[in-house]
Amino acid sequence: MCTSIGLKAKDYYFGRNMDLDYNFNEKVIIMPRNYILNFKKCPSFLCHYAMIGMGMLIDDYPLYAEGTNEKGLCIASTKFTYHICYNEKEDLNKANISVYELIPWILSQCASTDEAEDLIKKTNIINLPFSKEIPIEKLHWHISDHKRSIVVECLSDGMKIYNNHIDILTNNPTFDFQLHNLTQYLNLTTDIPFNCFSEMVKIENFGNGVGSHGLPGDFSSMSRFVKIAFLKLNSKKYDNEVDNVTQFFHLLDSVAVINGAINVKSKKEYYTRYNCCINANKGIYYFKTYENNQINAINMFNEDLDSKKLIAFELIRKQSISQRN
């Protein structure tokens, strides 16, 4: 269960909540241009676009959950179990790419959403795990730049690519159903509502916010989709970086899962492990964790992007509190 959003202000911002019942030893990982990027069924890339994102590092290979490249193209994967169907067989007429390879496959060679869509149409996403210890995740993908956003889902009747004009993704059910479901909330408004009940009854508004009465507040993927859509599409944009980043995290926090709010079959603690905000124009990856809600920033362009070695940053999970007296 996760939520990803894109927000266009002076710059383009992209990010997500990672909702899980475990930490996966995640790190912020920068992949420089000359890191040798290997694929199981396709030739290696000796040179490619640099990228930054959150992921798990195993055997010097980054398993990204989301990220952006130096051209400003962004991708996030979120949990998706609704009629998910990856291909079991290779296609000799397409590039055969595993689920875990898709994010670096796209970010390494695409500079825009349009280019990413063209590449995906030539890609066969196959059911091939990274290793026996790491099974295939059931996912769909939110791909976006400052001009356009799409969603990619692998279903039993084939791959679907949806135009995502609201630049939002959560989880089940399919993205087209989530969009259609918004029609049930046409009455929501940020304004003070007027009396539509009856001219014969004098009804007065009794407080601010009544216009959004009926906005879902639970943690289900459909409710989170509606809530974050309403808040993001009505969100204020600013002219400076700090205010936009702060606003972006407030949006993510509005649909973040509090520890204890959801019990899962694993009996483990399920909550929003981290959330992030990426300035795609500047290559800055902002993040905070559940344990430490101080915003941290890592600028990919402050590193040697012509290097051949991955650069990883551990997360600081201890809370940072400013003592004022």
C-alpha atoms as a PDB file:
ATOM      1  CA  MET A   1       0.000   0.000   0.000  1.00  0.00           C
ATOM      2  CA  CYS A   2       1.578   3.277  -1.107  1.00  0.00           C
ATOM      3  CA  THR A   3       0.737   6.673  -2.541  1.00  0.00           C
ATOM      4  CA  SER A   4       2.685   8.589  -5.209  1.00  0.00           C
ATOM      5  CA  ILE A   5       2.047  12.090  -6.533  1.00  0.00           C
ATOM      6  CA  GLY A   6       3.504  14.655  -8.880  1.00  0.00           C
ATOM      7  CA  LEU A   7       3.134  18.399  -8.348  1.00  0.00           C
ATOM      8  CA  LYS A   8       4.062  21.126 -10.802  1.00  0.00           C
ATOM      9  CA  ALA A   9       4.991  24.464  -9.249  1.00  0.00           C
ATOM     10  CA  LYS A  10       7.980  26.585 -10.270  1.00  0.00           C
ATOM     11  CA  ASP A  11       9.816  23.244 -10.520  1.00  0.00           C
ATOM     12  CA  TYR A  12       8.370  19.757 -10.847  1.00  0.00           C
ATOM     13  CA  TYR A  13       8.119  17.671  -7.661  1.00  0.00           C
ATOM     14  CA  PHE A  14       7.507  13.947  -7.458  1.00  0.00           C
ATOM     15  CA  GLY A  15       7.368  11.624  -4.471  1.00  0.00           C
ATOM     16  CA  ARG A  16       5.638   8.952  -2.483  1.00  0.00           C
ATOM     17  CA  ASN A  17       4.707   7.306   0.801  1.00  0.00           C
ATOM     18  CA  MET A  18       6.179   3.850   1.328  1.00  0.00           C
ATOM     19  CA  ASP A  19       3.654   1.859   3.394  1.00  0.00           C
ATOM     20  CA  LEU A  20       4.990  -1.520   4.522  1.00  0.00           C
ATOM     21  CA  ASP A  21       5.119  -3.926   7.450  1.00  0.00           C
ATOM     22  CA  TYR A  22       8.935  -4.063   7.322  1.00  0.00           C
ATOM     23  CA  ASN A  23      12.009  -1.996   6.538  1.00  0.00           C
ATOM     24  CA  PHE A  24      13.944  -3.340   3.564  1.00  0.00           C
ATOM     25  CA  ASN A  25      17.314  -1.848   4.489  1.00  0.00           C
ATOM     26  CA  GLU A  26      16.511   1.008   2.143  1.00  0.00           C
ATOM     27  CA  LYS A  27      19.104   3.606   1.224  1.00  0.00           C
ATOM     28  CA  VAL A  28      19.234   6.631  -1.034  1.00  0.00           C
ATOM     29  CA  ILE A  29      21.278   5.398  -3.981  1.00  0.00           C
ATOM     30  CA  ILE A  30      22.897   7.475  -6.714  1.00  0.00           C
ATOM     31  CA  MET A  31      23.795   5.615  -9.889  1.00  0.00           C
ATOM     32  CA  PRO A  32      26.434   7.578 -11.865  1.00  0.00           C
ATOM     33  CA  ARG A  33      26.547   7.557 -15.646  1.00  0.00           C
ATOM     34  CA  ASN A  34      29.396   5.059 -15.963  1.00  0.00           C
ATOM     35  CA  TYR A  35      28.192   2.452 -13.495  1.00  0.00           C
ATOM     36  CA  ILE A  36      27.905  -0.814 -15.447  1.00  0.00           C
ATOM     37  CA  LEU A  37      24.196  -1.550 -15.430  1.00  0.00           C
ATOM     38  CA  ASN A  38      23.495  -5.235 -16.005  1.00  0.00           C
ATOM     39  CA  PHE A  39      20.271  -6.900 -17.097  1.00  0.00           C
ATOM     40  CA  LYS A  40      19.522 -10.611 -17.033  1.00  0.00           C
ATOM     41  CA  LYS A  41      18.183 -10.865 -20.578  1.00  0.00           C
ATOM     42  CA  CYS A  42      19.512  -7.715 -22.252  1.00  0.00           C
ATOM     43  CA  PRO A  43      23.002  -6.338 -22.915  1.00  0.00           C
ATOM     44  CA  SER A  44      24.658  -4.278 -20.178  1.00  0.00           C
ATOM     45  CA  PHE A  45      24.799  -0.497 -20.362  1.00  0.00           C
ATOM     46  CA  LEU A  46      28.322   0.878 -19.957  1.00  0.00           C
ATOM     47  CA  CYS A  47      27.099   4.489 -20.088  1.00  0.00           C
ATOM     48  CA  HIS A  48      23.645   5.896 -19.354  1.00  0.00           C
ATOM     49  CA  TYR A  49      21.770   8.697 -17.605  1.00  0.00           C
ATOM     50  CA  ALA A  50      22.588   9.194 -13.924  1.00  0.00           C
ATOM     51  CA  MET A  51      19.769   8.616 -11.419  1.00  0.00           C
ATOM     52  CA  ILE A  52      18.888   8.885  -7.742  1.00  0.00           C
ATOM     53  CA  GLY A  53      16.260   7.112  -5.681  1.00  0.00           C
ATOM     54  CA  MET A  54      15.435   4.975  -2.680  1.00  0.00           C
ATOM     55  CA  GLY A  55      16.191   1.305  -2.908  1.00  0.00           C
ATOM     56  CA  MET A  56      17.760  -1.826  -1.535  1.00  0.00           C
ATOM     57  CA  LEU A  57      21.396  -2.499  -2.423  1.00  0.00           C
ATOM     58  CA  ILE A  58      22.269  -6.169  -2.960  1.00  0.00           C
ATOM     59  CA  ASP A  59      25.519  -7.399  -4.532  1.00  0.00           C
ATOM     60  CA  ASP A  60      26.214  -3.856  -5.701  1.00  0.00           C
ATOM     61  CA  TYR A  61      22.914  -3.742  -7.591  1.00  0.00           C
ATOM     62  CA  PRO A  62      20.213  -1.170  -6.728  1.00  0.00           C
ATOM     63  CA  LEU A  63      16.636  -2.425  -6.411  1.00  0.00           C
ATOM     64  CA  TYR A  64      14.870   0.926  -6.715  1.00  0.00           C
ATOM     65  CA  ALA A  65      11.395   1.644  -5.346  1.00  0.00           C
ATOM     66  CA  GLU A  66      11.292   5.087  -6.952  1.00  0.00           C
ATOM     67  CA  GLY A  67      13.663   7.635  -8.416  1.00  0.00           C
ATOM     68  CA  THR A  68      14.473  10.271 -10.990  1.00  0.00           C
ATOM     69  CA  ASN A  69      17.213  10.685 -13.556  1.00  0.00           C
ATOM     70  CA  GLU A  70      19.329  13.665 -14.532  1.00  0.00           C
ATOM     71  CA  LYS A  71      16.808  14.604 -17.242  1.00  0.00           C
ATOM     72  CA  GLY A  72      13.933  14.933 -14.774  1.00  0.00           C
ATOM     73  CA  LEU A  73      12.020  11.738 -15.583  1.00  0.00           C
ATOM     74  CA  CYS A  74      10.490  10.160 -12.455  1.00  0.00           C
ATOM     75  CA  ILE A  75       9.168   6.683 -11.631  1.00  0.00           C
ATOM     76  CA  ALA A  76       7.572   5.094  -8.574  1.00  0.00           C
ATOM     77  CA  SER A  77       6.345   1.529  -8.144  1.00  0.00           C
ATOM     78  CA  THR A  78       3.414   0.825  -5.840  1.00  0.00           C
ATOM     79  CA  LYS A  79       1.807  -2.415  -4.684  1.00  0.00           C
ATOM     80  CA  PHE A  80      -0.744  -3.796  -7.121  1.00  0.00           C
ATOM     81  CA  THR A  81      -2.342  -7.236  -6.786  1.00  0.00           C
ATOM     82  CA  TYR A  82      -5.534  -6.764  -8.815  1.00  0.00           C
ATOM     83  CA  HIS A  83      -5.439  -9.286 -11.714  1.00  0.00           C
ATOM     84  CA  ILE A  84      -1.693  -8.746 -11.985  1.00  0.00           C
ATOM     85  CA  CYS A  85      -0.088 -10.876 -14.691  1.00  0.00           C
ATOM     86  CA  TYR A  86       3.559 -10.700 -15.741  1.00  0.00           C
ATOM     87  CA  ASN A  87       4.651 -12.605 -18.816  1.00  0.00           C
ATOM     88  CA  GLU A  88       6.101 -16.061 -18.225  1.00  0.00           C
ATOM     89  CA  LYS A  89       7.742 -16.332 -21.641  1.00  0.00           C
ATOM     90  CA  GLU A  90      10.342 -14.209 -23.371  1.00  0.00           C
ATOM     91  CA  ASP A  91       9.417 -12.271 -26.504  1.00  0.00           C
ATOM     92  CA  LEU A  92      12.141 -12.340 -29.167  1.00  0.00           C
ATOM     93  CA  ASN A  93      10.754  -9.142 -30.709  1.00  0.00           C
ATOM     94  CA  LYS A  94      10.998  -7.109 -27.494  1.00  0.00           C
ATOM     95  CA  ALA A  95      13.435  -6.329 -24.687  1.00  0.00           C
ATOM     96  CA  ASN A  96      12.791  -8.851 -21.916  1.00  0.00           C
ATOM     97  CA  ILE A  97      13.049  -7.017 -18.606  1.00  0.00           C
ATOM     98  CA  SER A  98      12.259  -8.283 -15.131  1.00  0.00           C
ATOM     99  CA  VAL A  99      10.033  -6.397 -12.722  1.00  0.00           C
ATOM    100  CA  TYR A 100      12.967  -5.306 -10.544  1.00  0.00           C
ATOM    101  CA  GLU A 101      14.883  -4.051 -13.601  1.00  0.00           C
ATOM    102  CA  LEU A 102      12.147  -1.823 -15.003  1.00  0.00           C
ATOM    103  CA  ILE A 103      12.972   1.365 -13.077  1.00  0.00           C
ATOM    104  CA  PRO A 104      16.692   1.480 -14.008  1.00  0.00           C
ATOM    105  CA  TRP A 105      15.830   0.220 -17.513  1.00  0.00           C
ATOM    106  CA  ILE A 106      13.672   3.293 -18.109  1.00  0.00           C
ATOM    107  CA  LEU A 107      15.613   5.918 -16.141  1.00  0.00           C
ATOM    108  CA  SER A 108      18.915   4.909 -17.733  1.00  0.00           C
ATOM    109  CA  GLN A 109      17.827   5.726 -21.298  1.00  0.00           C
ATOM    110  CA  CYS A 110      14.665   7.878 -21.322  1.00  0.00           C
ATOM    111  CA  ALA A 111      14.583  11.669 -20.953  1.00  0.00           C
ATOM    112  CA  SER A 112      10.797  12.108 -20.910  1.00  0.00           C
ATOM    113  CA  THR A 113       7.493  10.357 -20.285  1.00  0.00           C
ATOM    114  CA  ASP A 114       6.921  10.176 -24.035  1.00  0.00           C
ATOM    115  CA  GLU A 115      10.219   8.350 -24.507  1.00  0.00           C
ATOM    116  CA  ALA A 116       9.411   6.073 -21.574  1.00  0.00           C
ATOM    117  CA  GLU A 117       6.043   5.147 -23.078  1.00  0.00           C
ATOM    118  CA  ASP A 118       7.661   4.328 -26.417  1.00  0.00           C
ATOM    119  CA  LEU A 119      10.238   2.132 -24.684  1.00  0.00           C
ATOM    120  CA  ILE A 120       7.645   0.326 -22.555  1.00  0.00           C
ATOM    121  CA  LYS A 121       5.697  -0.621 -25.679  1.00  0.00           C
ATOM    122  CA  LYS A 122       8.860  -2.361 -26.883  1.00  0.00           C
ATOM    123  CA  THR A 123       9.449  -4.044 -23.502  1.00  0.00           C
ATOM    124  CA  ASN A 124       8.251  -7.454 -22.323  1.00  0.00           C
ATOM    125  CA  ILE A 125       7.995  -7.435 -18.503  1.00  0.00           C
ATOM    126  CA  ILE A 126       8.780 -10.983 -17.415  1.00  0.00           C
ATOM    127  CA  ASN A 127       8.237 -12.941 -14.229  1.00  0.00           C
ATOM    128  CA  LEU A 128      11.918 -13.311 -13.375  1.00  0.00           C
ATOM    129  CA  PRO A 129      13.062 -12.751  -9.748  1.00  0.00           C
ATOM    130  CA  PHE A 130      16.292 -11.115  -8.706  1.00  0.00           C
ATOM    131  CA  SER A 131      17.199 -14.230  -6.703  1.00  0.00           C
ATOM    132  CA  LYS A 132      15.606 -17.172  -4.905  1.00  0.00           C
ATOM    133  CA  GLU A 133      15.650 -15.155  -1.678  1.00  0.00           C
ATOM    134  CA  ILE A 134      13.897 -12.122  -3.214  1.00  0.00           C
ATOM    135  CA  PRO A 135      10.562 -12.994  -4.845  1.00  0.00           C
ATOM    136  CA  ILE A 136       8.811 -10.995  -7.536  1.00  0.00           C
ATOM    137  CA  GLU A 137       6.743  -8.089  -6.208  1.00  0.00           C
ATOM    138  CA  LYS A 138       3.283  -7.386  -7.588  1.00  0.00           C
ATOM    139  CA  LEU A 139       3.514  -3.781  -8.770  1.00  0.00           C
ATOM    140  CA  HIS A 140       2.314  -1.112 -11.128  1.00  0.00           C
ATOM    141  CA  TRP A 141       4.224   2.038 -12.068  1.00  0.00           C
ATOM    142  CA  HIS A 142       3.692   5.802 -12.002  1.00  0.00           C
ATOM    143  CA  ILE A 143       5.921   7.472 -14.626  1.00  0.00           C
ATOM    144  CA  SER A 144       6.034  11.231 -14.925  1.00  0.00           C
ATOM    145  CA  ASP A 145       7.868  14.373 -15.951  1.00  0.00           C
ATOM    146  CA  HIS A 146       6.926  18.059 -15.832  1.00  0.00           C
ATOM    147  CA  LYS A 147       4.754  17.713 -18.936  1.00  0.00           C
ATOM    148  CA  ARG A 148       2.989  14.368 -18.720  1.00  0.00           C
ATOM    149  CA  SER A 149       2.228  11.374 -16.494  1.00  0.00           C
ATOM    150  CA  ILE A 150       1.252   7.756 -17.224  1.00  0.00           C
ATOM    151  CA  VAL A 151       0.461   4.562 -15.292  1.00  0.00           C
ATOM    152  CA  VAL A 152       1.620   1.110 -16.422  1.00  0.00           C
ATOM    153  CA  GLU A 153      -0.228  -2.036 -15.303  1.00  0.00           C
ATOM    154  CA  CYS A 154       0.342  -5.647 -16.353  1.00  0.00           C
ATOM    155  CA  LEU A 155      -3.064  -7.342 -16.402  1.00  0.00           C
ATOM    156  CA  SER A 156      -4.371 -10.741 -17.450  1.00  0.00           C
ATOM    157  CA  ASP A 157      -5.519  -9.272 -20.778  1.00  0.00           C
ATOM    158  CA  GLY A 158      -2.213  -7.528 -21.451  1.00  0.00           C
ATOM    159  CA  MET A 159      -0.219  -4.437 -20.548  1.00  0.00           C
ATOM    160  CA  LYS A 160      -2.203  -1.247 -20.034  1.00  0.00           C
ATOM    161  CA  ILE A 161      -0.781   2.275 -20.310  1.00  0.00           C
ATOM    162  CA  TYR A 162      -3.082   4.982 -18.962  1.00  0.00           C
ATOM    163  CA  ASN A 163      -2.738   8.740 -19.303  1.00  0.00           C
ATOM    164  CA  ASN A 164      -2.562  10.065 -15.740  1.00  0.00           C
ATOM    165  CA  HIS A 165      -3.713  13.668 -16.010  1.00  0.00           C
ATOM    166  CA  ILE A 166      -4.039  14.060 -12.232  1.00  0.00           C
ATOM    167  CA  ASP A 167      -0.500  12.686 -11.617  1.00  0.00           C
ATOM    168  CA  ILE A 168      -1.487  10.365  -8.735  1.00  0.00           C
ATOM    169  CA  LEU A 169      -1.276   6.638  -8.021  1.00  0.00           C
ATOM    170  CA  THR A 170      -2.207   4.418  -5.073  1.00  0.00           C
ATOM    171  CA  ASN A 171      -2.957   0.663  -5.300  1.00  0.00           C
ATOM    172  CA  ASN A 172      -5.910  -1.609  -6.171  1.00  0.00           C
ATOM    173  CA  PRO A 173      -8.153  -1.596  -8.147  1.00  0.00           C
ATOM    174  CA  THR A 174      -7.044  -0.670 -11.664  1.00  0.00           C
ATOM    175  CA  PHE A 175      -6.163   2.935 -12.412  1.00  0.00           C
ATOM    176  CA  ASP A 176      -9.058   3.502 -14.818  1.00  0.00           C
ATOM    177  CA  PHE A 177     -11.504   2.442 -12.090  1.00  0.00           C
ATOM    178  CA  GLN A 178      -9.852   4.807  -9.597  1.00  0.00           C
ATOM    179  CA  LEU A 179     -10.333   7.707 -12.000  1.00  0.00           C
ATOM    180  CA  HIS A 180     -13.957   6.795 -12.646  1.00  0.00           C
ATOM    181  CA  ASN A 181     -14.589   6.541  -8.901  1.00  0.00           C
ATOM    182  CA  LEU A 182     -13.827  10.272  -8.550  1.00  0.00           C
ATOM    183  CA  THR A 183     -17.215  11.005 -10.114  1.00  0.00           C
ATOM    184  CA  GLN A 184     -18.804  10.057  -6.788  1.00  0.00           C
ATOM    185  CA  TYR A 185     -17.175  13.115  -5.199  1.00  0.00           C
ATOM    186  CA  LEU A 186     -18.171  15.875  -7.620  1.00  0.00           C
ATOM    187  CA  ASN A 187     -19.910  17.674  -4.760  1.00  0.00           C
ATOM    188  CA  LEU A 188     -16.706  18.326  -2.807  1.00  0.00           C
ATOM    189  CA  THR A 189     -15.509  21.915  -2.721  1.00  0.00           C
ATOM    190  CA  THR A 190     -12.969  24.052  -0.927  1.00  0.00           C
ATOM    191  CA  ASP A 191     -15.536  26.848  -0.765  1.00  0.00           C
ATOM    192  CA  ILE A 192     -18.292  27.429   1.778  1.00  0.00           C
ATOM    193  CA  PRO A 193     -21.279  25.465   0.429  1.00  0.00           C
ATOM    194  CA  PHE A 194     -24.679  27.024  -0.150  1.00  0.00           C
ATOM    195  CA  ASN A 195     -28.026  25.477   0.690  1.00  0.00           C
ATOM    196  CA  CYS A 196     -29.006  22.934  -1.977  1.00  0.00           C
ATOM    197  CA  PHE A 197     -31.195  21.011   0.445  1.00  0.00           C
ATOM    198  CA  SER A 198     -34.398  23.006   0.008  1.00  0.00           C
ATOM    199  CA  GLU A 199     -35.495  26.611  -0.296  1.00  0.00           C
ATOM    200  CA  MET A 200     -38.135  25.782   2.315  1.00  0.00           C
ATOM    201  CA  VAL A 201     -35.555  25.021   5.000  1.00  0.00           C
ATOM    202  CA  LYS A 202     -33.195  27.630   6.373  1.00  0.00           C
ATOM    203  CA  ILE A 203     -29.862  25.878   6.827  1.00  0.00           C
ATOM    204  CA  GLU A 204     -26.739  27.807   7.719  1.00  0.00           C
ATOM    205  CA  ASN A 205     -23.145  26.740   7.470  1.00  0.00           C
ATOM    206  CA  PHE A 206     -21.659  26.060  10.941  1.00  0.00           C
ATOM    207  CA  GLY A 207     -17.929  26.129  10.209  1.00  0.00           C
ATOM    208  CA  ASN A 208     -15.084  26.123   7.698  1.00  0.00           C
ATOM    209  CA  GLY A 209     -14.392  22.901   5.827  1.00  0.00           C
ATOM    210  CA  VAL A 210     -18.010  21.797   5.457  1.00  0.00           C
ATOM    211  CA  GLY A 211     -17.563  21.889   1.681  1.00  0.00           C
ATOM    212  CA  SER A 212     -15.311  18.827   1.896  1.00  0.00           C
ATOM    213  CA  HIS A 213     -17.819  16.826   3.949  1.00  0.00           C
ATOM    214  CA  GLY A 214     -17.728  13.284   2.561  1.00  0.00           C
ATOM    215  CA  LEU A 215     -14.014  13.311   1.728  1.00  0.00           C
ATOM    216  CA  PRO A 216     -12.772   9.806   2.662  1.00  0.00           C
ATOM    217  CA  GLY A 217     -10.418   9.538   5.615  1.00  0.00           C
ATOM    218  CA  ASP A 218      -9.665   5.828   5.872  1.00  0.00           C
ATOM    219  CA  PHE A 219      -6.448   4.172   4.679  1.00  0.00           C
ATOM    220  CA  SER A 220      -7.829   2.025   1.855  1.00  0.00           C
ATOM    221  CA  SER A 221      -6.246   2.613  -1.529  1.00  0.00           C
ATOM    222  CA  MET A 222      -9.473   3.929  -3.080  1.00  0.00           C
ATOM    223  CA  SER A 223     -10.019   6.389  -0.228  1.00  0.00           C
ATOM    224  CA  ARG A 224      -6.410   7.555  -0.306  1.00  0.00           C
ATOM    225  CA  PHE A 225      -6.713   8.111  -4.051  1.00  0.00           C
ATOM    226  CA  VAL A 226      -9.747  10.367  -3.619  1.00  0.00           C
ATOM    227  CA  LYS A 227      -8.318  12.247  -0.653  1.00  0.00           C
ATOM    228  CA  ILE A 228      -4.888  12.941  -2.134  1.00  0.00           C
ATOM    229  CA  ALA A 229      -6.485  13.897  -5.475  1.00  0.00           C
ATOM    230  CA  PHE A 230      -8.725  16.489  -3.805  1.00  0.00           C
ATOM    231  CA  LEU A 231      -5.912  17.920  -1.679  1.00  0.00           C
ATOM    232  CA  LYS A 232      -3.238  17.903  -4.393  1.00  0.00           C
ATOM    233  CA  LEU A 233      -5.423  19.397  -7.108  1.00  0.00           C
ATOM    234  CA  ASN A 234      -6.402  22.207  -4.730  1.00  0.00           C
ATOM    235  CA  SER A 235      -2.933  22.621  -3.262  1.00  0.00           C
ATOM    236  CA  LYS A 236      -1.249  26.004  -3.108  1.00  0.00           C
ATOM    237  CA  LYS A 237       1.981  26.375  -5.085  1.00  0.00           C
ATOM    238  CA  TYR A 238       4.832  28.637  -3.988  1.00  0.00           C
ATOM    239  CA  ASP A 239       7.683  30.520  -5.609  1.00  0.00           C
ATOM    240  CA  ASN A 240      10.433  29.100  -3.418  1.00  0.00           C
ATOM    241  CA  GLU A 241      11.902  25.665  -2.836  1.00  0.00           C
ATOM    242  CA  VAL A 242      11.464  25.314   0.911  1.00  0.00           C
ATOM    243  CA  ASP A 243       7.753  26.162   0.884  1.00  0.00           C
ATOM    244  CA  ASN A 244       7.042  23.825  -2.032  1.00  0.00           C
ATOM    245  CA  VAL A 245       8.909  20.944  -0.407  1.00  0.00           C
ATOM    246  CA  THR A 246       7.140  21.596   2.894  1.00  0.00           C
ATOM    247  CA  GLN A 247       3.748  21.662   1.144  1.00  0.00           C
ATOM    248  CA  PHE A 248       4.564  18.433  -0.675  1.00  0.00           C
ATOM    249  CA  PHE A 249       5.313  16.600   2.576  1.00  0.00           C
ATOM    250  CA  HIS A 250       2.091  17.939   4.103  1.00  0.00           C
ATOM    251  CA  LEU A 251       0.233  16.380   1.174  1.00  0.00           C
ATOM    252  CA  LEU A 252       1.925  13.022   1.695  1.00  0.00           C
ATOM    253  CA  ASP A 253       1.360  13.182   5.446  1.00  0.00           C
ATOM    254  CA  SER A 254      -2.377  13.636   4.841  1.00  0.00           C
ATOM    255  CA  VAL A 255      -2.572  10.015   3.609  1.00  0.00           C
ATOM    256  CA  ALA A 256       0.295   8.524   5.645  1.00  0.00           C
ATOM    257  CA  VAL A 257      -0.450   5.437   7.742  1.00  0.00           C
ATOM    258  CA  ILE A 258       0.061   5.793  11.493  1.00  0.00           C
ATOM    259  CA  ASN A 259       1.640   2.855  13.318  1.00  0.00           C
ATOM    260  CA  GLY A 260      -1.223   0.928  14.918  1.00  0.00           C
ATOM    261  CA  ALA A 261      -3.945   2.064  12.509  1.00  0.00           C
ATOM    262  CA  ILE A 262      -3.793  -1.094  10.344  1.00  0.00           C
ATOM    263  CA  ASN A 263      -3.318  -4.713  11.404  1.00  0.00           C
ATOM    264  CA  VAL A 264      -2.042  -7.056   8.702  1.00  0.00           C
ATOM    265  CA  LYS A 265      -1.870 -10.827   8.355  1.00  0.00           C
ATOM    266  CA  SER A 266       1.861 -10.876   9.053  1.00  0.00           C
ATOM    267  CA  LYS A 267       1.139  -9.469  12.561  1.00  0.00           C
ATOM    268  CA  LYS A 268       4.000  -7.035  11.973  1.00  0.00           C
ATOM    269  CA  GLU A 269       3.781  -3.274  12.417  1.00  0.00           C
ATOM    270  CA  TYR A 270       2.388  -1.715   9.239  1.00  0.00           C
ATOM    271  CA  TYR A 271       2.816   2.021   8.637  1.00  0.00           C
ATOM    272  CA  THR A 272       4.415   4.615   6.352  1.00  0.00           C
ATOM    273  CA  ARG A 273       8.107   3.767   6.655  1.00  0.00           C
ATOM    274  CA  TYR A 274       9.354   6.807   4.733  1.00  0.00           C
ATOM    275  CA  ASN A 275       8.139   9.483   2.401  1.00  0.00           C
ATOM    276  CA  CYS A 276      10.074  11.428  -0.185  1.00  0.00           C
ATOM    277  CA  CYS A 277       9.873  14.488  -2.403  1.00  0.00           C
ATOM    278  CA  ILE A 278      12.099  14.797  -5.475  1.00  0.00           C
ATOM    279  CA  ASN A 279      12.821  18.090  -7.184  1.00  0.00           C
ATOM    280  CA  ALA A 280      13.124  16.628 -10.674  1.00  0.00           C
ATOM    281  CA  ASN A 281      14.580  19.843 -12.119  1.00  0.00           C
ATOM    282  CA  LYS A 282      17.424  20.046  -9.621  1.00  0.00           C
ATOM    283  CA  GLY A 283      17.997  16.355  -8.893  1.00  0.00           C
ATOM    284  CA  ILE A 284      17.423  16.803  -5.154  1.00  0.00           C
ATOM    285  CA  TYR A 285      15.986  13.872  -3.216  1.00  0.00           C
ATOM    286  CA  TYR A 286      14.240  14.967   0.008  1.00  0.00           C
ATOM    287  CA  PHE A 287      13.067  12.351   2.475  1.00  0.00           C
ATOM    288  CA  LYS A 288      12.010  11.687   6.041  1.00  0.00           C
ATOM    289  CA  THR A 289      11.290   8.510   7.972  1.00  0.00           C
ATOM    290  CA  TYR A 290       8.582   7.554  10.423  1.00  0.00           C
ATOM    291  CA  GLU A 291      11.065   7.717  13.285  1.00  0.00           C
ATOM    292  CA  ASN A 292      12.753  10.951  12.186  1.00  0.00           C
ATOM    293  CA  ASN A 293      10.507  13.549  10.575  1.00  0.00           C
ATOM    294  CA  GLN A 294      13.307  16.019   9.934  1.00  0.00           C
ATOM    295  CA  ILE A 295      13.525  16.575   6.176  1.00  0.00           C
ATOM    296  CA  ASN A 296      16.863  15.413   4.737  1.00  0.00           C
ATOM    297  CA  ALA A 297      18.176  16.378   1.297  1.00  0.00           C
ATOM    298  CA  ILE A 298      20.645  14.721  -1.075  1.00  0.00           C
ATOM    299  CA  ASN A 299      21.601  16.486  -4.307  1.00  0.00           C
ATOM    300  CA  MET A 300      22.673  14.087  -7.010  1.00  0.00           C
ATOM    301  CA  PHE A 301      24.560  16.833  -8.848  1.00  0.00           C
ATOM    302  CA  ASN A 302      26.829  17.380  -5.841  1.00  0.00           C
ATOM    303  CA  GLU A 303      28.401  13.984  -6.572  1.00  0.00           C
ATOM    304  CA  ASP A 304      30.708  12.797  -9.345  1.00  0.00           C
ATOM    305  CA  LEU A 305      28.162  11.617 -11.876  1.00  0.00           C
ATOM    306  CA  ASP A 306      30.874  10.340 -14.216  1.00  0.00           C
ATOM    307  CA  SER A 307      31.975   7.772 -11.657  1.00  0.00           C
ATOM    308  CA  LYS A 308      31.630   4.009 -12.090  1.00  0.00           C
ATOM    309  CA  LYS A 309      30.628   3.319  -8.492  1.00  0.00           C
ATOM    310  CA  LEU A 310      27.271   3.561  -6.770  1.00  0.00           C
ATOM    311  CA  ILE A 311      26.913   6.130  -3.991  1.00  0.00           C
ATOM    312  CA  ALA A 312      24.657   5.161  -1.080  1.00  0.00           C
ATOM    313  CA  PHE A 313      23.372   7.148   1.892  1.00  0.00           C
ATOM    314  CA  GLU A 314      22.044   5.446   5.015  1.00  0.00           C
ATOM    315  CA  LEU A 315      18.821   6.761   6.518  1.00  0.00           C
ATOM    316  CA  ILE A 316      18.948   8.544   9.860  1.00  0.00           C
ATOM    317  CA  ARG A 317      16.115   7.038  11.883  1.00  0.00           C
ATOM    318  CA  LYS A 318      16.805   8.674  15.245  1.00  0.00           C
ATOM    319  CA  GLN A 319      14.473  11.616  15.837  1.00  0.00           C
ATOM    320  CA  SER A 320      16.047  15.071  15.517  1.00  0.00           C
ATOM    321  CA  ILE A 321      14.537  17.587  17.961  1.00  0.00           C
ATOM    322  CA  SER A 322      15.562  21.233  18.216  1.00  0.00           C
ATOM    323  CA  GLN A 323      15.839  22.047  21.925  1.00  0.00           C
ATOM    324  CA  ARG A 324      14.911  25.715  22.309  1.00  0.00           C
ATOM    325  CA  ASN A 325      15.644  26.390  26.008  1.00  0.00           C
END
